[in-house]
Amino acid sequence: VVAFVMNVISRRHEFQADSYAKKLGFGS
């Protein structure tokens, strides 16, 4: 269960980091 929760958090972080790169103007 802990491993699953950590994956959920990690995946959320990846989406957030992608969004941050997009905000920097590097979406495409």
PDB file of all heavy atoms in Angstrom:
ATOM      1  N   VAL A   1       0.845  -1.198   0.000  1.00  0.00           N
ATOM      2  CA  VAL A   1       0.000   0.000   0.000  1.00  0.00           C
ATOM      3  C   VAL A   1       0.881   1.250   0.000  1.00  0.00           C
ATOM      4  O   VAL A   1       0.620   2.198  -0.752  1.00  0.00           O
ATOM      5  CB  VAL A   1      -0.964  -0.003   1.205  1.00  0.00           C
ATOM      6  CG1 VAL A   1      -1.699   1.319   1.332  1.00  0.00           C
ATOM      7  CG2 VAL A   1      -1.942  -1.165   1.099  1.00  0.00           C
ATOM      8  N   VAL A   2       1.924   1.241   0.812  1.00  0.00           N
ATOM      9  CA  VAL A   2       2.840   2.391   0.863  1.00  0.00           C
ATOM     10  C   VAL A   2       3.498   2.602  -0.499  1.00  0.00           C
ATOM     11  O   VAL A   2       3.608   3.739  -0.983  1.00  0.00           O
ATOM     12  CB  VAL A   2       3.900   2.203   1.972  1.00  0.00           C
ATOM     13  CG1 VAL A   2       5.009   3.246   1.857  1.00  0.00           C
ATOM     14  CG2 VAL A   2       3.249   2.254   3.339  1.00  0.00           C
ATOM     15  N   ALA A   3       3.929   1.516  -1.143  1.00  0.00           N
ATOM     16  CA  ALA A   3       4.560   1.627  -2.466  1.00  0.00           C
ATOM     17  C   ALA A   3       3.575   2.222  -3.478  1.00  0.00           C
ATOM     18  O   ALA A   3       3.961   3.074  -4.297  1.00  0.00           O
ATOM     19  CB  ALA A   3       5.048   0.261  -2.938  1.00  0.00           C
ATOM     20  N   PHE A   4       2.318   1.808  -3.417  1.00  0.00           N
ATOM     21  CA  PHE A   4       1.310   2.360  -4.317  1.00  0.00           C
ATOM     22  C   PHE A   4       1.114   3.852  -4.063  1.00  0.00           C
ATOM     23  O   PHE A   4       1.074   4.661  -4.998  1.00  0.00           O
ATOM     24  CB  PHE A   4      -0.015   1.607  -4.163  1.00  0.00           C
ATOM     25  CG  PHE A   4      -1.129   2.210  -4.961  1.00  0.00           C
ATOM     26  CD1 PHE A   4      -1.150   2.095  -6.347  1.00  0.00           C
ATOM     27  CD2 PHE A   4      -2.152   2.902  -4.335  1.00  0.00           C
ATOM     28  CE1 PHE A   4      -2.173   2.660  -7.090  1.00  0.00           C
ATOM     29  CE2 PHE A   4      -3.171   3.465  -5.071  1.00  0.00           C
ATOM     30  CZ  PHE A   4      -3.181   3.346  -6.452  1.00  0.00           C
ATOM     31  N   VAL A   5       1.018   4.241  -2.795  1.00  0.00           N
ATOM     32  CA  VAL A   5       0.839   5.659  -2.453  1.00  0.00           C
ATOM     33  C   VAL A   5       2.039   6.472  -2.922  1.00  0.00           C
ATOM     34  O   VAL A   5       1.882   7.579  -3.461  1.00  0.00           O
ATOM     35  CB  VAL A   5       0.590   5.825  -0.934  1.00  0.00           C
ATOM     36  CG1 VAL A   5       0.665   7.286  -0.518  1.00  0.00           C
ATOM     37  CG2 VAL A   5      -0.747   5.225  -0.548  1.00  0.00           C
ATOM     38  N   MET A   6       3.243   5.931  -2.760  1.00  0.00           N
ATOM     39  CA  MET A   6       4.448   6.642  -3.215  1.00  0.00           C
ATOM     40  C   MET A   6       4.443   6.791  -4.737  1.00  0.00           C
ATOM     41  O   MET A   6       4.870   7.821  -5.264  1.00  0.00           O
ATOM     42  CB  MET A   6       5.719   5.932  -2.741  1.00  0.00           C
ATOM     43  CG  MET A   6       5.942   6.024  -1.250  1.00  0.00           C
ATOM     44  SD  MET A   6       5.973   7.712  -0.604  1.00  0.00           S
ATOM     45  CE  MET A   6       7.484   8.328  -1.323  1.00  0.00           C
ATOM     46  N   ASN A   7       3.960   5.785  -5.455  1.00  0.00           N
ATOM     47  CA  ASN A   7       3.848   5.901  -6.908  1.00  0.00           C
ATOM     48  C   ASN A   7       2.822   6.963  -7.295  1.00  0.00           C
ATOM     49  O   ASN A   7       3.034   7.716  -8.248  1.00  0.00           O
ATOM     50  CB  ASN A   7       3.486   4.561  -7.541  1.00  0.00           C
ATOM     51  CG  ASN A   7       4.697   3.697  -7.767  1.00  0.00           C
ATOM     52  OD1 ASN A   7       5.830   4.143  -7.676  1.00  0.00           O
ATOM     53  ND2 ASN A   7       4.465   2.443  -8.082  1.00  0.00           N
ATOM     54  N   VAL A   8       1.721   7.032  -6.566  1.00  0.00           N
ATOM     55  CA  VAL A   8       0.709   8.054  -6.835  1.00  0.00           C
ATOM     56  C   VAL A   8       1.321   9.447  -6.648  1.00  0.00           C
ATOM     57  O   VAL A   8       1.139  10.339  -7.486  1.00  0.00           O
ATOM     58  CB  VAL A   8      -0.534   7.867  -5.931  1.00  0.00           C
ATOM     59  CG1 VAL A   8      -1.459   9.074  -5.986  1.00  0.00           C
ATOM     60  CG2 VAL A   8      -1.280   6.600  -6.310  1.00  0.00           C
ATOM     61  N   ILE A   9       2.066   9.612  -5.566  1.00  0.00           N
ATOM     62  CA  ILE A   9       2.717  10.905  -5.305  1.00  0.00           C
ATOM     63  C   ILE A   9       3.743  11.211  -6.391  1.00  0.00           C
ATOM     64  O   ILE A   9       3.790  12.331  -6.914  1.00  0.00           O
ATOM     65  CB  ILE A   9       3.363  10.903  -3.903  1.00  0.00           C
ATOM     66  CG1 ILE A   9       2.284  10.877  -2.823  1.00  0.00           C
ATOM     67  CG2 ILE A   9       4.289  12.100  -3.724  1.00  0.00           C
ATOM     68  CD1 ILE A   9       2.797  10.597  -1.428  1.00  0.00           C
ATOM     69  N   SER A  10       4.550  10.232  -6.741  1.00  0.00           N
ATOM     70  CA  SER A  10       5.575  10.430  -7.763  1.00  0.00           C
ATOM     71  C   SER A  10       4.954  10.793  -9.105  1.00  0.00           C
ATOM     72  O   SER A  10       5.434  11.701  -9.808  1.00  0.00           O
ATOM     73  CB  SER A  10       6.432   9.170  -7.893  1.00  0.00           C
ATOM     74  OG  SER A  10       7.361   9.308  -8.942  1.00  0.00           O
ATOM     75  N   ARG A  11       3.896  10.106  -9.474  1.00  0.00           N
ATOM     76  CA  ARG A  11       3.234  10.386 -10.752  1.00  0.00           C
ATOM     77  C   ARG A  11       2.640  11.791 -10.741  1.00  0.00           C
ATOM     78  O   ARG A  11       2.708  12.517 -11.732  1.00  0.00           O
ATOM     79  CB  ARG A  11       2.161   9.334 -11.031  1.00  0.00           C
ATOM     80  CG  ARG A  11       2.753   7.968 -11.337  1.00  0.00           C
ATOM     81  CD  ARG A  11       1.734   6.865 -11.211  1.00  0.00           C
ATOM     82  NE  ARG A  11       0.691   6.938 -12.189  1.00  0.00           N
ATOM     83  CZ  ARG A  11       0.679   6.237 -13.327  1.00  0.00           C
ATOM     84  NH1 ARG A  11       1.657   5.417 -13.595  1.00  0.00           N
ATOM     85  NH2 ARG A  11      -0.314   6.359 -14.173  1.00  0.00           N
ATOM     86  N   ARG A  12       2.079  12.191  -9.619  1.00  0.00           N
ATOM     87  CA  ARG A  12       1.543  13.560  -9.494  1.00  0.00           C
ATOM     88  C   ARG A  12       2.669  14.572  -9.657  1.00  0.00           C
ATOM     89  O   ARG A  12       2.507  15.591 -10.337  1.00  0.00           O
ATOM     90  CB  ARG A  12       0.853  13.710  -8.138  1.00  0.00           C
ATOM     91  CG  ARG A  12       0.202  15.040  -7.938  1.00  0.00           C
ATOM     92  CD  ARG A  12      -0.668  15.025  -6.684  1.00  0.00           C
ATOM     93  NE  ARG A  12      -1.312  16.296  -6.520  1.00  0.00           N
ATOM     94  CZ  ARG A  12      -0.996  17.182  -5.580  1.00  0.00           C
ATOM     95  NH1 ARG A  12      -0.062  16.910  -4.696  1.00  0.00           N
ATOM     96  NH2 ARG A  12      -1.642  18.327  -5.505  1.00  0.00           N
ATOM     97  N   HIS A  13       3.812  14.297  -9.049  1.00  0.00           N
ATOM     98  CA  HIS A  13       4.968  15.184  -9.184  1.00  0.00           C
ATOM     99  C   HIS A  13       5.423  15.284 -10.639  1.00  0.00           C
ATOM    100  O   HIS A  13       5.835  16.361 -11.089  1.00  0.00           O
ATOM    101  CB  HIS A  13       6.117  14.707  -8.301  1.00  0.00           C
ATOM    102  CG  HIS A  13       5.898  14.962  -6.852  1.00  0.00           C
ATOM    103  ND1 HIS A  13       6.742  14.477  -5.876  1.00  0.00           N
ATOM    104  CD2 HIS A  13       4.936  15.649  -6.184  1.00  0.00           C
ATOM    105  CE1 HIS A  13       6.308  14.856  -4.688  1.00  0.00           C
ATOM    106  NE2 HIS A  13       5.209  15.568  -4.854  1.00  0.00           N
ATOM    107  N   GLU A  14       5.383  14.176 -11.355  1.00  0.00           N
ATOM    108  CA  GLU A  14       5.787  14.199 -12.769  1.00  0.00           C
ATOM    109  C   GLU A  14       4.856  15.090 -13.590  1.00  0.00           C
ATOM    110  O   GLU A  14       5.327  15.870 -14.422  1.00  0.00           O
ATOM    111  CB  GLU A  14       5.825  12.780 -13.341  1.00  0.00           C
ATOM    112  CG  GLU A  14       6.940  11.925 -12.798  1.00  0.00           C
ATOM    113  CD  GLU A  14       8.307  12.543 -12.989  1.00  0.00           C
ATOM    114  OE1 GLU A  14       8.617  13.014 -14.106  1.00  0.00           O
ATOM    115  OE2 GLU A  14       9.079  12.570 -12.022  1.00  0.00           O
ATOM    116  N   PHE A  15       3.560  14.984 -13.354  1.00  0.00           N
ATOM    117  CA  PHE A  15       2.622  15.856 -14.056  1.00  0.00           C
ATOM    118  C   PHE A  15       2.871  17.322 -13.709  1.00  0.00           C
ATOM    119  O   PHE A  15       2.818  18.199 -14.572  1.00  0.00           O
ATOM    120  CB  PHE A  15       1.170  15.480 -13.722  1.00  0.00           C
ATOM    121  CG  PHE A  15       0.692  14.220 -14.386  1.00  0.00           C
ATOM    122  CD1 PHE A  15       0.161  13.190 -13.634  1.00  0.00           C
ATOM    123  CD2 PHE A  15       0.754  14.070 -15.764  1.00  0.00           C
ATOM    124  CE1 PHE A  15      -0.298  12.029 -14.240  1.00  0.00           C
ATOM    125  CE2 PHE A  15       0.288  12.915 -16.386  1.00  0.00           C
ATOM    126  CZ  PHE A  15      -0.228  11.891 -15.614  1.00  0.00           C
ATOM    127  N   GLN A  16       3.149  17.590 -12.432  1.00  0.00           N
ATOM    128  CA  GLN A  16       3.412  18.968 -12.010  1.00  0.00           C
ATOM    129  C   GLN A  16       4.694  19.509 -12.647  1.00  0.00           C
ATOM    130  O   GLN A  16       4.737  20.674 -13.062  1.00  0.00           O
ATOM    131  CB  GLN A  16       3.504  19.045 -10.485  1.00  0.00           C
ATOM    132  CG  GLN A  16       2.187  18.843  -9.788  1.00  0.00           C
ATOM    133  CD  GLN A  16       2.326  18.741  -8.277  1.00  0.00           C
ATOM    134  OE1 GLN A  16       3.410  18.547  -7.738  1.00  0.00           O
ATOM    135  NE2 GLN A  16       1.198  18.860  -7.583  1.00  0.00           N
ATOM    136  N   ALA A  17       5.730  18.675 -12.714  1.00  0.00           N
ATOM    137  CA  ALA A  17       6.989  19.116 -13.332  1.00  0.00           C
ATOM    138  C   ALA A  17       6.812  19.341 -14.828  1.00  0.00           C
ATOM    139  O   ALA A  17       7.376  20.281 -15.394  1.00  0.00           O
ATOM    140  CB  ALA A  17       8.095  18.100 -13.055  1.00  0.00           C
ATOM    141  N   ASP A  18       6.015  18.493 -15.474  1.00  0.00           N
ATOM    142  CA  ASP A  18       5.695  18.716 -16.887  1.00  0.00           C
ATOM    143  C   ASP A  18       4.979  20.051 -17.060  1.00  0.00           C
ATOM    144  O   ASP A  18       5.284  20.823 -17.978  1.00  0.00           O
ATOM    145  CB  ASP A  18       4.811  17.590 -17.436  1.00  0.00           C
ATOM    146  CG  ASP A  18       5.561  16.296 -17.688  1.00  0.00           C
ATOM    147  OD1 ASP A  18       6.809  16.283 -17.609  1.00  0.00           O
ATOM    148  OD2 ASP A  18       4.884  15.278 -17.964  1.00  0.00           O
ATOM    149  N   SER A  19       4.018  20.316 -16.196  1.00  0.00           N
ATOM    150  CA  SER A  19       3.271  21.568 -16.257  1.00  0.00           C
ATOM    151  C   SER A  19       4.198  22.764 -16.039  1.00  0.00           C
ATOM    152  O   SER A  19       4.042  23.808 -16.686  1.00  0.00           O
ATOM    153  CB  SER A  19       2.154  21.557 -15.211  1.00  0.00           C
ATOM    154  OG  SER A  19       1.454  22.768 -15.196  1.00  0.00           O
ATOM    155  N   TYR A  20       5.163  22.606 -15.148  1.00  0.00           N
ATOM    156  CA  TYR A  20       6.115  23.690 -14.896  1.00  0.00           C
ATOM    157  C   TYR A  20       6.959  23.968 -16.137  1.00  0.00           C
ATOM    158  O   TYR A  20       7.163  25.133 -16.510  1.00  0.00           O
ATOM    159  CB  TYR A  20       7.015  23.331 -13.706  1.00  0.00           C
ATOM    160  CG  TYR A  20       7.947  24.446 -13.328  1.00  0.00           C
ATOM    161  CD1 TYR A  20       7.499  25.515 -12.557  1.00  0.00           C
ATOM    162  CD2 TYR A  20       9.278  24.461 -13.745  1.00  0.00           C
ATOM    163  CE1 TYR A  20       8.343  26.555 -12.212  1.00  0.00           C
ATOM    164  CE2 TYR A  20      10.123  25.491 -13.403  1.00  0.00           C
ATOM    165  CZ  TYR A  20       9.653  26.532 -12.639  1.00  0.00           C
ATOM    166  OH  TYR A  20      10.491  27.567 -12.306  1.00  0.00           O
ATOM    167  N   ALA A  21       7.428  22.921 -16.801  1.00  0.00           N
ATOM    168  CA  ALA A  21       8.198  23.104 -18.037  1.00  0.00           C
ATOM    169  C   ALA A  21       7.335  23.790 -19.096  1.00  0.00           C
ATOM    170  O   ALA A  21       7.828  24.644 -19.846  1.00  0.00           O
ATOM    171  CB  ALA A  21       8.713  21.766 -18.548  1.00  0.00           C
ATOM    172  N   LYS A  22       6.062  23.457 -19.126  1.00  0.00           N
ATOM    173  CA  LYS A  22       5.139  24.106 -20.066  1.00  0.00           C
ATOM    174  C   LYS A  22       5.005  25.591 -19.733  1.00  0.00           C
ATOM    175  O   LYS A  22       5.002  26.435 -20.630  1.00  0.00           O
ATOM    176  CB  LYS A  22       3.779  23.404 -20.014  1.00  0.00           C
ATOM    177  CG  LYS A  22       2.762  23.944 -20.987  1.00  0.00           C
ATOM    178  CD  LYS A  22       1.460  23.169 -20.886  1.00  0.00           C
ATOM    179  CE  LYS A  22       0.386  23.772 -21.776  1.00  0.00           C
ATOM    180  NZ  LYS A  22      -0.887  23.049 -21.633  1.00  0.00           N
ATOM    181  N   LYS A  23       4.905  25.931 -18.440  1.00  0.00           N
ATOM    182  CA  LYS A  23       4.817  27.336 -18.027  1.00  0.00           C
ATOM    183  C   LYS A  23       6.074  28.120 -18.389  1.00  0.00           C
ATOM    184  O   LYS A  23       6.019  29.323 -18.605  1.00  0.00           O
ATOM    185  CB  LYS A  23       4.557  27.435 -16.518  1.00  0.00           C
ATOM    186  CG  LYS A  23       3.156  27.077 -16.118  1.00  0.00           C
ATOM    187  CD  LYS A  23       2.979  27.158 -14.624  1.00  0.00           C
ATOM    188  CE  LYS A  23       1.624  26.589 -14.238  1.00  0.00           C
ATOM    189  NZ  LYS A  23       1.483  26.462 -12.791  1.00  0.00           N
ATOM    190  N   LEU A  24       7.208  27.420 -18.453  1.00  0.00           N
ATOM    191  CA  LEU A  24       8.456  28.072 -18.863  1.00  0.00           C
ATOM    192  C   LEU A  24       8.497  28.318 -20.368  1.00  0.00           C
ATOM    193  O   LEU A  24       9.421  28.945 -20.873  1.00  0.00           O
ATOM    194  CB  LEU A  24       9.665  27.230 -18.445  1.00  0.00           C
ATOM    195  CG  LEU A  24       9.976  27.142 -16.958  1.00  0.00           C
ATOM    196  CD1 LEU A  24      11.125  26.165 -16.707  1.00  0.00           C
ATOM    197  CD2 LEU A  24      10.312  28.516 -16.395  1.00  0.00           C
ATOM    198  N   GLY A  25       7.500  27.804 -21.072  1.00  0.00           N
ATOM    199  CA  GLY A  25       7.422  28.016 -22.514  1.00  0.00           C
ATOM    200  C   GLY A  25       7.945  26.858 -23.343  1.00  0.00           C
ATOM    201  O   GLY A  25       8.213  27.021 -24.535  1.00  0.00           O
ATOM    202  N   PHE A  26       8.070  25.679 -22.718  1.00  0.00           N
ATOM    203  CA  PHE A  26       8.627  24.520 -23.412  1.00  0.00           C
ATOM    204  C   PHE A  26       7.609  23.401 -23.609  1.00  0.00           C
ATOM    205  O   PHE A  26       7.980  22.240 -23.706  1.00  0.00           O
ATOM    206  CB  PHE A  26       9.832  23.969 -22.643  1.00  0.00           C
ATOM    207  CG  PHE A  26      10.984  24.922 -22.564  1.00  0.00           C
ATOM    208  CD1 PHE A  26      11.314  25.523 -21.362  1.00  0.00           C
ATOM    209  CD2 PHE A  26      11.734  25.216 -23.687  1.00  0.00           C
ATOM    210  CE1 PHE A  26      12.386  26.396 -21.286  1.00  0.00           C
ATOM    211  CE2 PHE A  26      12.801  26.085 -23.620  1.00  0.00           C
ATOM    212  CZ  PHE A  26      13.124  26.687 -22.413  1.00  0.00           C
ATOM    213  N   GLY A  27       6.320  23.738 -23.692  1.00  0.00           N
ATOM    214  CA  GLY A  27       5.291  22.706 -23.809  1.00  0.00           C
ATOM    215  C   GLY A  27       5.456  21.834 -25.040  1.00  0.00           C
ATOM    216  O   GLY A  27       5.488  20.606 -24.941  1.00  0.00           O
ATOM    217  N   SER A  28       5.558  22.443 -26.206  1.00  0.00           N
ATOM    218  CA  SER A  28       5.660  21.644 -27.438  1.00  0.00           C
ATOM    219  C   SER A  28       7.002  20.918 -27.517  1.00  0.00           C
ATOM    220  O   SER A  28       7.068  19.772 -27.978  1.00  0.00           O
ATOM    221  CB  SER A  28       5.452  22.521 -28.674  1.00  0.00           C
ATOM    222  OG  SER A  28       6.452  23.516 -28.753  1.00  0.00           O
TER     223      SER A  28
END
